């Protein structure tokens, strides 16, 4: 079984190739990896996971992943913007507070 960077590579390749449903569980597993030495890699995995979750209708997962990404990387503008868009209709005050 794939682990660590190899798992993340495979999951990202599946996702970018358009196999979103197949990539989703692999992206979830890859997001559990710490990637302490590669914060940019972790950011990319979290954003891909959130996008895949949105594409497959798993809004709660997308919200959780984006919230985690914003907490872990407060200056990650793309995560802040995506979470704000997700919250805009359901949680407008929280969405505004992100900015």
Protein backbone atom coordinates (compact mmCIF):
# COMPACT_ATOMS: atom_id res chain seq x y z
CA UNK A 1 0.00 0.00 0.00
CA UNK A 2 1.08 3.55 -0.72
CA UNK A 3 2.04 5.85 2.14
CA UNK A 4 3.36 9.36 2.67
CA UNK A 5 4.57 11.23 -0.38
CA UNK A 6 3.83 8.33 -2.74
CA UNK A 7 0.22 8.26 -1.60
CA UNK A 8 -0.09 12.03 -1.97
CA UNK A 9 1.46 11.90 -5.47
CA UNK A 10 -0.94 9.20 -6.62
CA UNK A 11 -3.97 10.92 -5.09
CA UNK A 12 -3.07 14.24 -6.70
CA UNK A 13 -2.51 12.59 -10.09
CA UNK A 14 -5.90 10.91 -9.92
CA UNK A 15 -7.56 14.16 -8.91
CA UNK A 16 -5.94 16.26 -11.64
CA UNK A 17 -6.80 13.58 -14.21
CA UNK A 18 -10.46 14.02 -13.32
CA UNK A 19 -11.01 10.89 -11.26
CA UNK A 20 -12.44 12.89 -8.39
CA UNK A 21 -14.48 10.14 -6.72
CA UNK A 22 -11.56 7.73 -6.82
CA UNK A 23 -9.13 10.35 -5.55
CA UNK A 24 -11.28 11.50 -2.63
CA UNK A 25 -10.49 8.66 -0.17
CA UNK A 26 -6.83 8.78 -1.13
CA UNK A 27 -6.73 12.53 -0.61
CA UNK A 28 -8.35 12.01 2.80
CA UNK A 29 -5.61 9.53 3.70
CA UNK A 30 -2.90 11.84 2.33
CA UNK A 31 -4.29 14.74 4.39
CA UNK A 32 -3.65 12.71 7.53
CA UNK A 33 0.08 12.75 6.78
CA UNK A 34 1.89 15.56 8.62
CA UNK A 35 4.24 16.74 5.81
CA UNK A 36 6.02 18.81 8.47
CA UNK A 37 8.95 19.53 6.16
CA UNK A 38 6.68 20.41 3.21
CA UNK A 39 3.97 22.87 4.31
CA UNK A 40 3.24 23.85 0.69
CA UNK A 41 2.57 20.22 -0.12
CA UNK A 42 0.18 19.91 2.81
CA UNK A 43 -1.62 23.06 1.73
CA UNK A 44 -2.06 21.71 -1.81
CA UNK A 45 -3.41 18.40 -0.52
CA UNK A 46 -5.89 20.12 1.78
CA UNK A 47 -7.13 22.36 -1.03
CA UNK A 48 -7.44 19.43 -3.44
CA UNK A 49 -9.33 17.46 -0.79
CA UNK A 50 -11.72 20.34 -0.17
CA UNK A 51 -12.33 20.77 -3.90
CA UNK A 52 -12.90 17.04 -4.37
CA UNK A 53 -15.31 16.99 -1.43
CA UNK A 54 -17.27 19.89 -2.93
CA UNK A 55 -17.32 18.22 -6.35
CA UNK A 56 -18.78 15.04 -4.86
CA UNK A 57 -21.35 16.85 -2.72
CA UNK A 58 -19.64 16.28 0.62
CA UNK A 59 -20.08 19.83 1.86
CA UNK A 60 -19.45 18.99 5.52
CA UNK A 61 -16.10 17.43 4.67
CA UNK A 62 -15.15 20.42 2.52
CA UNK A 63 -16.10 22.82 5.31
CA UNK A 64 -14.09 20.85 7.88
CA UNK A 65 -11.01 20.60 5.65
CA UNK A 66 -11.09 24.30 4.76
CA UNK A 67 -11.61 25.26 8.42
CA UNK A 68 -8.63 23.11 9.37
CA UNK A 69 -6.56 24.63 6.57
CA UNK A 70 -7.40 28.17 7.69
CA UNK A 71 -6.57 27.31 11.30
CA UNK A 72 -3.29 25.63 10.33
CA UNK A 73 -2.32 28.16 7.65
CA UNK A 74 -4.09 31.46 8.45
CA UNK A 75 -2.38 33.26 5.57
CA UNK A 76 -3.47 30.70 2.96
CA UNK A 77 -5.65 33.10 0.98
CA UNK A 78 -7.17 30.45 -1.28
CA UNK A 79 -8.46 28.47 1.70
CA UNK A 80 -9.86 31.62 3.34
CA UNK A 81 -11.62 32.62 0.11
CA UNK A 82 -13.06 29.15 -0.51
CA UNK A 83 -14.32 28.85 3.05
CA UNK A 84 -15.84 32.33 2.80
CA UNK A 85 -17.65 31.34 -0.40
CA UNK A 86 -18.90 28.16 1.22
CA UNK A 87 -20.18 30.04 4.27
CA UNK A 88 -21.56 33.05 2.40
CA UNK A 89 -25.19 31.85 2.29
CA UNK A 90 -25.35 29.68 5.39
CA UNK A 91 -23.05 31.59 7.79
CA UNK A 92 -22.64 35.13 6.43
CA UNK A 93 -21.27 36.60 9.67
CA UNK A 94 -18.60 33.93 9.91
CA UNK A 95 -17.81 34.43 6.22
CA UNK A 96 -17.30 38.17 6.72
CA UNK A 97 -15.17 37.58 9.82
CA UNK A 98 -12.72 35.55 7.72
CA UNK A 99 -11.81 38.65 5.79
